[in-house]
């Protein structure tokens, strides 16, 4: 309510003490510092664990990404053998970086992502064992990258014996990068082929064991029937090869020949070899000759059974 010549006084809001504001800010700042400190401790422990695993000496025993990056740059300026140290450093740097910042640091170092990956793969592969002879024979970063194609067992064999397969340690030292790449690809192809042969052999042996076990437990009549079916299938394959492959070969020989006696003798030799092998089988197992239907009754039984 106003009176003449006087203004109404509005009650003032209760004042917030400066002590309360400072305490709130201080509490929030302390919580943020504790969270940041915990994250730094976890990252520091993780970086040191990776460095210890790879045998990487942290610069000044610090996990600071800037120091690690400078150490990598220094190693890159040294001899080629230091590429392992570069790989170890890159792996530790990746662990030390926050998510998404590793690629930016690779750009600063001038290292493409694919090359950095090969550096790290090399460090991981060759850090597992003493490979001084292999590293000395490689002599260059490019050759060392090429050796990544070898399995751990092949690298260990190359280090201990000086040779794995057809690849010798002395050859690694004298080959060019291109020659080494070709030799390693050939070595890899031979290794893969050997593994496939062993796998096929093991599969065939497993199949044979299963067949033997089935034969041992099956009734005699059933076993005989299975063996007859198997023999018939083999005979059908042989007939297919004669009627298809051998006949087509004879047709081509006749078509491209000059009709001389020499061509006829050659073709007759092919057919004669087949006939000879069949005759040997008849003699070995004392089988009657039913090819010309001389024994009509037996021939009819054979044909009926084959059908």
C-alpha atoms as a PDB file:
ATOM      1  CA  UNK A   1       0.000   0.000   0.000  1.00  0.00           C
ATOM      2  CA  UNK A   2       1.394   3.376  -1.002  1.00  0.00           C
ATOM      3  CA  UNK A   3       1.064   6.619   0.797  1.00  0.00           C
ATOM      4  CA  UNK A   4       1.533  10.117  -0.508  1.00  0.00           C
ATOM      5  CA  UNK A   5       5.216  10.836  -1.164  1.00  0.00           C
ATOM      6  CA  UNK A   6       6.384   7.295  -0.272  1.00  0.00           C
ATOM      7  CA  UNK A   7       7.367   4.210  -2.363  1.00  0.00           C
ATOM      8  CA  UNK A   8       6.497   0.655  -1.532  1.00  0.00           C
ATOM      9  CA  UNK A   9       9.539  -1.375  -0.466  1.00  0.00           C
ATOM     10  CA  UNK A  10       9.920  -4.866  -2.147  1.00  0.00           C
ATOM     11  CA  UNK A  11      11.388  -7.521   0.146  1.00  0.00           C
ATOM     12  CA  UNK A  12      14.880  -8.558  -1.009  1.00  0.00           C
ATOM     13  CA  UNK A  13      15.604 -12.210  -1.965  1.00  0.00           C
ATOM     14  CA  UNK A  14      17.591 -14.172   0.573  1.00  0.00           C
ATOM     15  CA  UNK A  15      21.294 -13.804  -0.216  1.00  0.00           C
ATOM     16  CA  UNK A  16      23.369 -16.895  -1.254  1.00  0.00           C
ATOM     17  CA  UNK A  17      26.521 -17.008   0.679  1.00  0.00           C
ATOM     18  CA  UNK A  18      29.764 -17.024  -1.248  1.00  0.00           C
ATOM     19  CA  UNK A  19      30.875 -19.979   0.830  1.00  0.00           C
ATOM     20  CA  UNK A  20      28.031 -22.141  -0.545  1.00  0.00           C
ATOM     21  CA  UNK A  21      28.880 -21.278  -4.190  1.00  0.00           C
ATOM     22  CA  UNK A  22      32.540 -22.048  -3.635  1.00  0.00           C
ATOM     23  CA  UNK A  23      31.766 -25.377  -2.008  1.00  0.00           C
ATOM     24  CA  UNK A  24      29.560 -26.493  -4.957  1.00  0.00           C
ATOM     25  CA  UNK A  25      32.170 -25.541  -7.525  1.00  0.00           C
ATOM     26  CA  UNK A  26      34.902 -27.151  -5.508  1.00  0.00           C
ATOM     27  CA  UNK A  27      32.938 -30.385  -5.118  1.00  0.00           C
ATOM     28  CA  UNK A  28      32.222 -30.590  -8.855  1.00  0.00           C
ATOM     29  CA  UNK A  29      35.830 -29.845  -9.714  1.00  0.00           C
ATOM     30  CA  UNK A  30      37.080 -32.492  -7.312  1.00  0.00           C
ATOM     31  CA  UNK A  31      34.777 -35.128  -8.797  1.00  0.00           C
ATOM     32  CA  UNK A  32      35.939 -34.271 -12.325  1.00  0.00           C
ATOM     33  CA  UNK A  33      39.572 -34.426 -11.233  1.00  0.00           C
ATOM     34  CA  UNK A  34      39.079 -37.780  -9.561  1.00  0.00           C
ATOM     35  CA  UNK A  35      37.401 -39.226 -12.688  1.00  0.00           C
ATOM     36  CA  UNK A  36      40.141 -37.842 -14.950  1.00  0.00           C
ATOM     37  CA  UNK A  37      42.831 -39.137 -12.627  1.00  0.00           C
ATOM     38  CA  UNK A  38      41.282 -42.615 -12.583  1.00  0.00           C
ATOM     39  CA  UNK A  39      41.092 -42.669 -16.398  1.00  0.00           C
ATOM     40  CA  UNK A  40      44.742 -41.593 -16.640  1.00  0.00           C
ATOM     41  CA  UNK A  41      45.786 -44.308 -14.188  1.00  0.00           C
ATOM     42  CA  UNK A  42      43.923 -46.973 -16.156  1.00  0.00           C
ATOM     43  CA  UNK A  43      45.448 -45.801 -19.430  1.00  0.00           C
ATOM     44  CA  UNK A  44      48.900 -45.661 -17.881  1.00  0.00           C
ATOM     45  CA  UNK A  45      48.564 -49.242 -16.598  1.00  0.00           C
ATOM     46  CA  UNK A  46      47.302 -50.463 -19.973  1.00  0.00           C
ATOM     47  CA  UNK A  47      50.149 -48.751 -21.878  1.00  0.00           C
ATOM     48  CA  UNK A  48      52.770 -50.204 -19.550  1.00  0.00           C
ATOM     49  CA  UNK A  49      51.266 -53.686 -19.873  1.00  0.00           C
ATOM     50  CA  UNK A  50      51.444 -53.574 -23.689  1.00  0.00           C
ATOM     51  CA  UNK A  51      54.993 -52.167 -23.592  1.00  0.00           C
ATOM     52  CA  UNK A  52      56.078 -54.939 -21.220  1.00  0.00           C
ATOM     53  CA  UNK A  53      54.449 -57.596 -23.379  1.00  0.00           C
ATOM     54  CA  UNK A  54      56.229 -56.378 -26.524  1.00  0.00           C
ATOM     55  CA  UNK A  55      59.536 -55.594 -24.831  1.00  0.00           C
ATOM     56  CA  UNK A  56      59.298 -51.879 -25.694  1.00  0.00           C
ATOM     57  CA  UNK A  57      61.343 -49.450 -23.632  1.00  0.00           C
ATOM     58  CA  UNK A  58      59.149 -46.481 -22.845  1.00  0.00           C
ATOM     59  CA  UNK A  59      60.978 -43.179 -23.435  1.00  0.00           C
ATOM     60  CA  UNK A  60      61.939 -41.719 -20.057  1.00  0.00           C
ATOM     61  CA  UNK A  61      59.736 -44.472 -18.577  1.00  0.00           C
ATOM     62  CA  UNK A  62      56.737 -42.304 -19.452  1.00  0.00           C
ATOM     63  CA  UNK A  63      53.456 -43.171 -21.145  1.00  0.00           C
ATOM     64  CA  UNK A  64      52.935 -39.737 -22.678  1.00  0.00           C
ATOM     65  CA  UNK A  65      51.830 -40.142 -26.345  1.00  0.00           C
ATOM     66  CA  UNK A  66      53.992 -37.184 -27.431  1.00  0.00           C
ATOM     67  CA  UNK A  67      57.154 -38.808 -26.077  1.00  0.00           C
ATOM     68  CA  UNK A  68      56.281 -42.157 -27.658  1.00  0.00           C
ATOM     69  CA  UNK A  69      55.591 -40.462 -30.993  1.00  0.00           C
ATOM     70  CA  UNK A  70      58.979 -38.696 -30.926  1.00  0.00           C
ATOM     71  CA  UNK A  71      60.678 -41.981 -30.049  1.00  0.00           C
ATOM     72  CA  UNK A  72      59.040 -43.665 -33.064  1.00  0.00           C
ATOM     73  CA  UNK A  73      60.176 -40.856 -35.354  1.00  0.00           C
ATOM     74  CA  UNK A  74      63.723 -41.263 -34.055  1.00  0.00           C
ATOM     75  CA  UNK A  75      63.671 -45.033 -34.622  1.00  0.00           C
ATOM     76  CA  UNK A  76      62.425 -44.505 -38.168  1.00  0.00           C
ATOM     77  CA  UNK A  77      65.555 -42.477 -38.914  1.00  0.00           C
ATOM     78  CA  UNK A  78      67.842 -45.259 -37.718  1.00  0.00           C
ATOM     79  CA  UNK A  79      68.891 -48.465 -39.452  1.00  0.00           C
ATOM     80  CA  UNK A  80      66.320 -50.787 -40.984  1.00  0.00           C
ATOM     81  CA  UNK A  81      66.583 -53.235 -38.076  1.00  0.00           C
ATOM     82  CA  UNK A  82      64.855 -50.596 -35.954  1.00  0.00           C
ATOM     83  CA  UNK A  83      61.568 -51.225 -37.790  1.00  0.00           C
ATOM     84  CA  UNK A  84      60.730 -53.774 -35.096  1.00  0.00           C
ATOM     85  CA  UNK A  85      61.091 -51.039 -32.515  1.00  0.00           C
ATOM     86  CA  UNK A  86      58.890 -48.827 -34.677  1.00  0.00           C
ATOM     87  CA  UNK A  87      56.271 -51.581 -34.715  1.00  0.00           C
ATOM     88  CA  UNK A  88      56.431 -52.006 -30.966  1.00  0.00           C
ATOM     89  CA  UNK A  89      56.173 -48.258 -30.498  1.00  0.00           C
ATOM     90  CA  UNK A  90      53.191 -47.989 -32.809  1.00  0.00           C
ATOM     91  CA  UNK A  91      51.398 -50.755 -30.937  1.00  0.00           C
ATOM     92  CA  UNK A  92      52.030 -49.037 -27.610  1.00  0.00           C
ATOM     93  CA  UNK A  93      51.100 -45.646 -29.087  1.00  0.00           C
ATOM     94  CA  UNK A  94      47.804 -47.079 -30.271  1.00  0.00           C
ATOM     95  CA  UNK A  95      47.115 -48.249 -26.740  1.00  0.00           C
ATOM     96  CA  UNK A  96      48.074 -44.854 -25.317  1.00  0.00           C
ATOM     97  CA  UNK A  97      45.855 -42.842 -27.683  1.00  0.00           C
ATOM     98  CA  UNK A  98      42.286 -41.924 -27.018  1.00  0.00           C
ATOM     99  CA  UNK A  99      39.708 -43.425 -29.346  1.00  0.00           C
ATOM    100  CA  UNK A 100      39.989 -41.897 -32.807  1.00  0.00           C
ATOM    101  CA  UNK A 101      43.265 -40.036 -32.254  1.00  0.00           C
ATOM    102  CA  UNK A 102      45.674 -42.776 -33.399  1.00  0.00           C
ATOM    103  CA  UNK A 103      45.089 -42.066 -37.107  1.00  0.00           C
ATOM    104  CA  UNK A 104      45.863 -38.385 -36.596  1.00  0.00           C
ATOM    105  CA  UNK A 105      49.189 -39.247 -35.018  1.00  0.00           C
ATOM    106  CA  UNK A 106      49.985 -41.600 -37.914  1.00  0.00           C
ATOM    107  CA  UNK A 107      49.457 -38.649 -40.253  1.00  0.00           C
ATOM    108  CA  UNK A 108      51.898 -36.587 -38.206  1.00  0.00           C
ATOM    109  CA  UNK A 109      54.434 -39.420 -38.454  1.00  0.00           C
ATOM    110  CA  UNK A 110      53.786 -39.743 -42.168  1.00  0.00           C
ATOM    111  CA  UNK A 111      52.847 -43.437 -41.894  1.00  0.00           C
ATOM    112  CA  UNK A 112      49.921 -44.875 -43.813  1.00  0.00           C
ATOM    113  CA  UNK A 113      47.517 -47.039 -41.844  1.00  0.00           C
ATOM    114  CA  UNK A 114      48.334 -50.159 -43.908  1.00  0.00           C
ATOM    115  CA  UNK A 115      52.084 -49.663 -43.371  1.00  0.00           C
ATOM    116  CA  UNK A 116      51.570 -49.093 -39.651  1.00  0.00           C
ATOM    117  CA  UNK A 117      49.584 -52.312 -39.486  1.00  0.00           C
ATOM    118  CA  UNK A 118      52.463 -54.215 -41.119  1.00  0.00           C
ATOM    119  CA  UNK A 119      54.927 -52.616 -38.683  1.00  0.00           C
ATOM    120  CA  UNK A 120      52.811 -53.788 -35.748  1.00  0.00           C
ATOM    121  CA  UNK A 121      52.304 -57.270 -37.239  1.00  0.00           C
ATOM    122  CA  UNK A 122      56.060 -57.592 -37.721  1.00  0.00           C
ATOM    123  CA  UNK A 123      56.738 -56.578 -34.139  1.00  0.00           C
ATOM    124  CA  UNK A 124      54.190 -59.054 -32.838  1.00  0.00           C
ATOM    125  CA  UNK A 125      55.472 -61.950 -34.961  1.00  0.00           C
ATOM    126  CA  UNK A 126      59.197 -61.455 -34.398  1.00  0.00           C
ATOM    127  CA  UNK A 127      58.970 -60.388 -30.760  1.00  0.00           C
ATOM    128  CA  UNK A 128      57.932 -63.895 -29.703  1.00  0.00           C
ATOM    129  CA  UNK A 129      61.341 -65.482 -30.251  1.00  0.00           C
ATOM    130  CA  UNK A 130      65.034 -64.774 -30.801  1.00  0.00           C
ATOM    131  CA  UNK A 131      65.305 -64.172 -34.546  1.00  0.00           C
ATOM    132  CA  UNK A 132      68.654 -62.424 -34.870  1.00  0.00           C
ATOM    133  CA  UNK A 133      69.757 -64.550 -37.844  1.00  0.00           C
ATOM    134  CA  UNK A 134      66.497 -64.006 -39.720  1.00  0.00           C
ATOM    135  CA  UNK A 135      66.607 -60.256 -39.085  1.00  0.00           C
ATOM    136  CA  UNK A 136      70.232 -60.048 -40.219  1.00  0.00           C
ATOM    137  CA  UNK A 137      69.451 -62.017 -43.393  1.00  0.00           C
ATOM    138  CA  UNK A 138      66.441 -59.835 -44.155  1.00  0.00           C
ATOM    139  CA  UNK A 139      68.517 -56.693 -43.905  1.00  0.00           C
ATOM    140  CA  UNK A 140      65.704 -54.418 -45.027  1.00  0.00           C
ATOM    141  CA  UNK A 141      62.281 -53.364 -43.947  1.00  0.00           C
ATOM    142  CA  UNK A 142      60.756 -54.521 -47.242  1.00  0.00           C
ATOM    143  CA  UNK A 143      62.158 -58.046 -46.930  1.00  0.00           C
ATOM    144  CA  UNK A 144      61.070 -58.255 -43.318  1.00  0.00           C
ATOM    145  CA  UNK A 145      57.535 -57.362 -44.344  1.00  0.00           C
ATOM    146  CA  UNK A 146      57.632 -60.110 -46.985  1.00  0.00           C
ATOM    147  CA  UNK A 147      58.637 -62.667 -44.339  1.00  0.00           C
ATOM    148  CA  UNK A 148      55.314 -62.062 -42.565  1.00  0.00           C
ATOM    149  CA  UNK A 149      53.791 -64.654 -44.889  1.00  0.00           C
ATOM    150  CA  UNK A 150      55.696 -67.420 -43.071  1.00  0.00           C
ATOM    151  CA  UNK A 151      54.128 -69.287 -40.173  1.00  0.00           C
ATOM    152  CA  UNK A 152      55.645 -69.084 -36.704  1.00  0.00           C
ATOM    153  CA  UNK A 153      56.970 -72.637 -37.094  1.00  0.00           C
ATOM    154  CA  UNK A 154      58.631 -71.772 -40.406  1.00  0.00           C
ATOM    155  CA  UNK A 155      60.320 -68.680 -38.954  1.00  0.00           C
ATOM    156  CA  UNK A 156      61.572 -70.716 -36.001  1.00  0.00           C
ATOM    157  CA  UNK A 157      62.857 -73.434 -38.356  1.00  0.00           C
ATOM    158  CA  UNK A 158      64.587 -70.802 -40.509  1.00  0.00           C
ATOM    159  CA  UNK A 159      66.254 -69.340 -37.425  1.00  0.00           C
ATOM    160  CA  UNK A 160      67.371 -72.659 -35.917  1.00  0.00           C
ATOM    161  CA  UNK A 161      68.346 -74.653 -39.015  1.00  0.00           C
ATOM    162  CA  UNK A 162      68.913 -71.960 -41.625  1.00  0.00           C
ATOM    163  CA  UNK A 163      66.278 -73.397 -43.939  1.00  0.00           C
ATOM    164  CA  UNK A 164      62.542 -74.003 -44.155  1.00  0.00           C
ATOM    165  CA  UNK A 165      61.326 -76.023 -47.103  1.00  0.00           C
ATOM    166  CA  UNK A 166      63.291 -74.878 -50.164  1.00  0.00           C
ATOM    167  CA  UNK A 167      63.963 -71.426 -48.691  1.00  0.00           C
ATOM    168  CA  UNK A 168      67.440 -70.957 -47.205  1.00  0.00           C
ATOM    169  CA  UNK A 169      68.600 -68.178 -44.926  1.00  0.00           C
ATOM    170  CA  UNK A 170      71.559 -67.436 -47.208  1.00  0.00           C
ATOM    171  CA  UNK A 171      69.152 -67.001 -50.125  1.00  0.00           C
ATOM    172  CA  UNK A 172      67.088 -64.501 -48.127  1.00  0.00           C
ATOM    173  CA  UNK A 173      70.229 -62.382 -47.685  1.00  0.00           C
ATOM    174  CA  UNK A 174      71.136 -62.378 -51.398  1.00  0.00           C
ATOM    175  CA  UNK A 175      67.686 -62.193 -53.008  1.00  0.00           C
ATOM    176  CA  UNK A 176      66.038 -59.010 -54.120  1.00  0.00           C
ATOM    177  CA  UNK A 177      62.670 -58.115 -52.622  1.00  0.00           C
ATOM    178  CA  UNK A 178      60.926 -59.294 -55.803  1.00  0.00           C
ATOM    179  CA  UNK A 179      62.821 -62.612 -55.819  1.00  0.00           C
ATOM    180  CA  UNK A 180      62.112 -63.161 -52.134  1.00  0.00           C
ATOM    181  CA  UNK A 181      58.410 -62.450 -52.675  1.00  0.00           C
ATOM    182  CA  UNK A 182      58.251 -65.022 -55.481  1.00  0.00           C
ATOM    183  CA  UNK A 183      60.150 -67.624 -53.425  1.00  0.00           C
ATOM    184  CA  UNK A 184      57.904 -67.086 -50.413  1.00  0.00           C
ATOM    185  CA  UNK A 185      54.760 -67.417 -52.511  1.00  0.00           C
ATOM    186  CA  UNK A 186      56.080 -70.653 -53.967  1.00  0.00           C
ATOM    187  CA  UNK A 187      56.970 -71.853 -50.485  1.00  0.00           C
ATOM    188  CA  UNK A 188      53.478 -70.958 -49.260  1.00  0.00           C
ATOM    189  CA  UNK A 189      51.868 -72.777 -52.186  1.00  0.00           C
ATOM    190  CA  UNK A 190      53.913 -75.908 -51.471  1.00  0.00           C
ATOM    191  CA  UNK A 191      53.028 -75.739 -47.785  1.00  0.00           C
ATOM    192  CA  UNK A 192      49.322 -75.347 -48.548  1.00  0.00           C
ATOM    193  CA  UNK A 193      49.481 -78.230 -51.056  1.00  0.00           C
ATOM    194  CA  UNK A 194      51.189 -80.462 -48.495  1.00  0.00           C
ATOM    195  CA  UNK A 195      48.570 -79.623 -45.912  1.00  0.00           C
ATOM    196  CA  UNK A 196      45.789 -80.403 -48.369  1.00  0.00           C
ATOM    197  CA  UNK A 197      47.397 -83.756 -49.216  1.00  0.00           C
ATOM    198  CA  UNK A 198      47.718 -84.607 -45.522  1.00  0.00           C
ATOM    199  CA  UNK A 199      44.138 -83.535 -44.898  1.00  0.00           C
ATOM    200  CA  UNK A 200      42.895 -85.664 -47.808  1.00  0.00           C
ATOM    201  CA  UNK A 201      45.015 -88.577 -46.617  1.00  0.00           C
ATOM    202  CA  UNK A 202      43.641 -88.313 -43.093  1.00  0.00           C
ATOM    203  CA  UNK A 203      40.097 -88.084 -44.458  1.00  0.00           C
ATOM    204  CA  UNK A 204      40.674 -91.168 -46.616  1.00  0.00           C
ATOM    205  CA  UNK A 205      42.115 -93.074 -43.652  1.00  0.00           C
ATOM    206  CA  UNK A 206      39.151 -92.097 -41.498  1.00  0.00           C
ATOM    207  CA  UNK A 207      36.795 -93.260 -44.246  1.00  0.00           C
ATOM    208  CA  UNK A 208      38.693 -96.543 -44.570  1.00  0.00           C
ATOM    209  CA  UNK A 209      38.579 -97.118 -40.816  1.00  0.00           C
ATOM    210  CA  UNK A 210      34.838 -96.488 -40.859  1.00  0.00           C
ATOM    211  CA  UNK A 211      34.412 -98.945 -43.740  1.00  0.00           C
ATOM    212  CA  UNK A 212      36.478-101.596 -41.971  1.00  0.00           C
ATOM    213  CA  UNK A 213      34.480-101.136 -38.794  1.00  0.00           C
ATOM    214  CA  UNK A 214      31.220-101.385 -40.746  1.00  0.00           C
ATOM    215  CA  UNK A 215      32.427-104.532 -42.532  1.00  0.00           C
ATOM    216  CA  UNK A 216      33.468-106.135 -39.258  1.00  0.00           C
ATOM    217  CA  UNK A 217      30.045-105.614 -37.727  1.00  0.00           C
ATOM    218  CA  UNK A 218      27.855-106.171 -40.815  1.00  0.00           C
ATOM    219  CA  UNK A 219      26.417-109.584 -41.836  1.00  0.00           C
ATOM    220  CA  UNK A 220      28.413-111.453 -44.473  1.00  0.00           C
ATOM    221  CA  UNK A 221      25.751-111.164 -47.207  1.00  0.00           C
ATOM    222  CA  UNK A 222      25.524-107.413 -46.671  1.00  0.00           C
ATOM    223  CA  UNK A 223      29.311-107.050 -46.823  1.00  0.00           C
ATOM    224  CA  UNK A 224      29.417-109.033 -50.059  1.00  0.00           C
ATOM    225  CA  UNK A 225      26.719-106.811 -51.547  1.00  0.00           C
ATOM    226  CA  UNK A 226      28.611-103.661 -50.585  1.00  0.00           C
ATOM    227  CA  UNK A 227      31.816-105.005 -52.123  1.00  0.00           C
ATOM    228  CA  UNK A 228      29.966-105.913 -55.328  1.00  0.00           C
ATOM    229  CA  UNK A 229      28.507-102.426 -55.557  1.00  0.00           C
ATOM    230  CA  UNK A 230      31.948-100.898 -55.046  1.00  0.00           C
ATOM    231  CA  UNK A 231      33.498-103.175 -57.697  1.00  0.00           C
ATOM    232  CA  UNK A 232      30.700-102.327 -60.122  1.00  0.00           C
ATOM    233  CA  UNK A 233      31.261 -98.599 -59.610  1.00  0.00           C
ATOM    234  CA  UNK A 234      34.985 -99.009 -60.312  1.00  0.00           C
ATOM    235  CA  UNK A 235      34.196-101.048 -63.445  1.00  0.00           C
ATOM    236  CA  UNK A 236      31.783 -98.370 -64.646  1.00  0.00           C
ATOM    237  CA  UNK A 237      34.489 -95.719 -64.196  1.00  0.00           C
ATOM    238  CA  UNK A 238      36.896 -97.833 -66.245  1.00  0.00           C
ATOM    239  CA  UNK A 239      34.294 -98.332 -68.987  1.00  0.00           C
ATOM    240  CA  UNK A 240      33.625 -94.614 -69.041  1.00  0.00           C
ATOM    241  CA  UNK A 241      37.336 -93.902 -69.435  1.00  0.00           C
ATOM    242  CA  UNK A 242      37.610 -96.389 -72.322  1.00  0.00           C
ATOM    243  CA  UNK A 243      34.414 -95.422 -74.136  1.00  0.00           C
ATOM    244  CA  UNK A 244      34.958 -91.725 -73.543  1.00  0.00           C
ATOM    245  CA  UNK A 245      38.587 -90.765 -73.045  1.00  0.00           C
ATOM    246  CA  UNK A 246      40.399 -93.534 -74.922  1.00  0.00           C
ATOM    247  CA  UNK A 247      37.917 -93.553 -77.823  1.00  0.00           C
ATOM    248  CA  UNK A 248      38.128 -89.766 -78.208  1.00  0.00           C
ATOM    249  CA  UNK A 249      41.919 -89.960 -78.146  1.00  0.00           C
ATOM    250  CA  UNK A 250      41.847 -92.540 -80.959  1.00  0.00           C
ATOM    251  CA  UNK A 251      39.436 -90.368 -82.975  1.00  0.00           C
ATOM    252  CA  UNK A 252      41.752 -87.356 -82.665  1.00  0.00           C
ATOM    253  CA  UNK A 253      44.813 -89.411 -83.596  1.00  0.00           C
ATOM    254  CA  UNK A 254      43.063 -90.698 -86.692  1.00  0.00           C
ATOM    255  CA  UNK A 255      41.766 -87.240 -87.649  1.00  0.00           C
ATOM    256  CA  UNK A 256      45.169 -85.575 -87.419  1.00  0.00           C
ATOM    257  CA  UNK A 257      47.213 -88.500 -88.731  1.00  0.00           C
ATOM    258  CA  UNK A 258      48.264 -89.162 -92.289  1.00  0.00           C
ATOM    259  CA  UNK A 259      46.712 -92.627 -92.437  1.00  0.00           C
ATOM    260  CA  UNK A 260      50.081 -94.340 -92.325  1.00  0.00           C
ATOM    261  CA  UNK A 261      50.751 -97.727 -90.828  1.00  0.00           C
ATOM    262  CA  UNK A 262      52.696 -96.023 -88.059  1.00  0.00           C
ATOM    263  CA  UNK A 263      49.513 -94.349 -86.765  1.00  0.00           C
ATOM    264  CA  UNK A 264      47.629 -97.650 -86.818  1.00  0.00           C
ATOM    265  CA  UNK A 265      50.438 -99.371 -84.912  1.00  0.00           C
ATOM    266  CA  UNK A 266      50.412 -96.668 -82.253  1.00  0.00           C
ATOM    267  CA  UNK A 267      46.629 -96.904 -81.770  1.00  0.00           C
ATOM    268  CA  UNK A 268      46.777-100.669 -81.746  1.00  0.00           C
ATOM    269  CA  UNK A 269      49.433-100.462 -79.056  1.00  0.00           C
ATOM    270  CA  UNK A 270      47.117 -98.434 -76.826  1.00  0.00           C
ATOM    271  CA  UNK A 271      44.237-100.856 -77.234  1.00  0.00           C
ATOM    272  CA  UNK A 272      46.559-103.842 -76.921  1.00  0.00           C
ATOM    273  CA  UNK A 273      47.859-102.598 -73.573  1.00  0.00           C
ATOM    274  CA  UNK A 274      44.313-102.428 -72.237  1.00  0.00           C
ATOM    275  CA  UNK A 275      43.518-105.898 -73.564  1.00  0.00           C
ATOM    276  CA  UNK A 276      46.719-107.236 -72.030  1.00  0.00           C
ATOM    277  CA  UNK A 277      45.850-105.896 -68.598  1.00  0.00           C
ATOM    278  CA  UNK A 278      42.403-107.461 -68.787  1.00  0.00           C
ATOM    279  CA  UNK A 279      43.928-110.799 -69.812  1.00  0.00           C
ATOM    280  CA  UNK A 280      46.276-110.653 -66.811  1.00  0.00           C
ATOM    281  CA  UNK A 281      43.276-110.161 -64.556  1.00  0.00           C
ATOM    282  CA  UNK A 282      41.522-113.196 -66.082  1.00  0.00           C
ATOM    283  CA  UNK A 283      44.611-115.332 -65.544  1.00  0.00           C
ATOM    284  CA  UNK A 284      45.241-114.111 -62.017  1.00  0.00           C
ATOM    285  CA  UNK A 285      41.694-114.799 -60.826  1.00  0.00           C
ATOM    286  CA  UNK A 286      41.045-117.730 -63.237  1.00  0.00           C
ATOM    287  CA  UNK A 287      38.004-116.082 -64.785  1.00  0.00           C
ATOM    288  CA  UNK A 288      36.153-117.348 -67.874  1.00  0.00           C
ATOM    289  CA  UNK A 289      36.152-115.144 -70.979  1.00  0.00           C
ATOM    290  CA  UNK A 290      32.584-113.975 -71.567  1.00  0.00           C
ATOM    291  CA  UNK A 291      33.505-111.010 -73.763  1.00  0.00           C
ATOM    292  CA  UNK A 292      32.448-112.809 -76.969  1.00  0.00           C
ATOM    293  CA  UNK A 293      29.377-114.428 -75.334  1.00  0.00           C
ATOM    294  CA  UNK A 294      30.871-117.863 -75.851  1.00  0.00           C
ATOM    295  CA  UNK A 295      29.172-118.957 -72.665  1.00  0.00           C
ATOM    296  CA  UNK A 296      25.771-117.411 -73.257  1.00  0.00           C
ATOM    297  CA  UNK A 297      24.196-118.508 -70.009  1.00  0.00           C
ATOM    298  CA  UNK A 298      27.019-117.099 -67.879  1.00  0.00           C
ATOM    299  CA  UNK A 299      27.088-113.922 -69.947  1.00  0.00           C
ATOM    300  CA  UNK A 300      23.370-113.421 -69.408  1.00  0.00           C
ATOM    301  CA  UNK A 301      23.808-113.852 -65.647  1.00  0.00           C
ATOM    302  CA  UNK A 302      26.631-111.330 -65.588  1.00  0.00           C
ATOM    303  CA  UNK A 303      24.610-108.812 -67.578  1.00  0.00           C
ATOM    304  CA  UNK A 304      21.571-109.259 -65.369  1.00  0.00           C
ATOM    305  CA  UNK A 305      23.664-108.866 -62.250  1.00  0.00           C
ATOM    306  CA  UNK A 306      25.366-105.737 -63.639  1.00  0.00           C
ATOM    307  CA  UNK A 307      21.994-104.166 -64.399  1.00  0.00           C
END
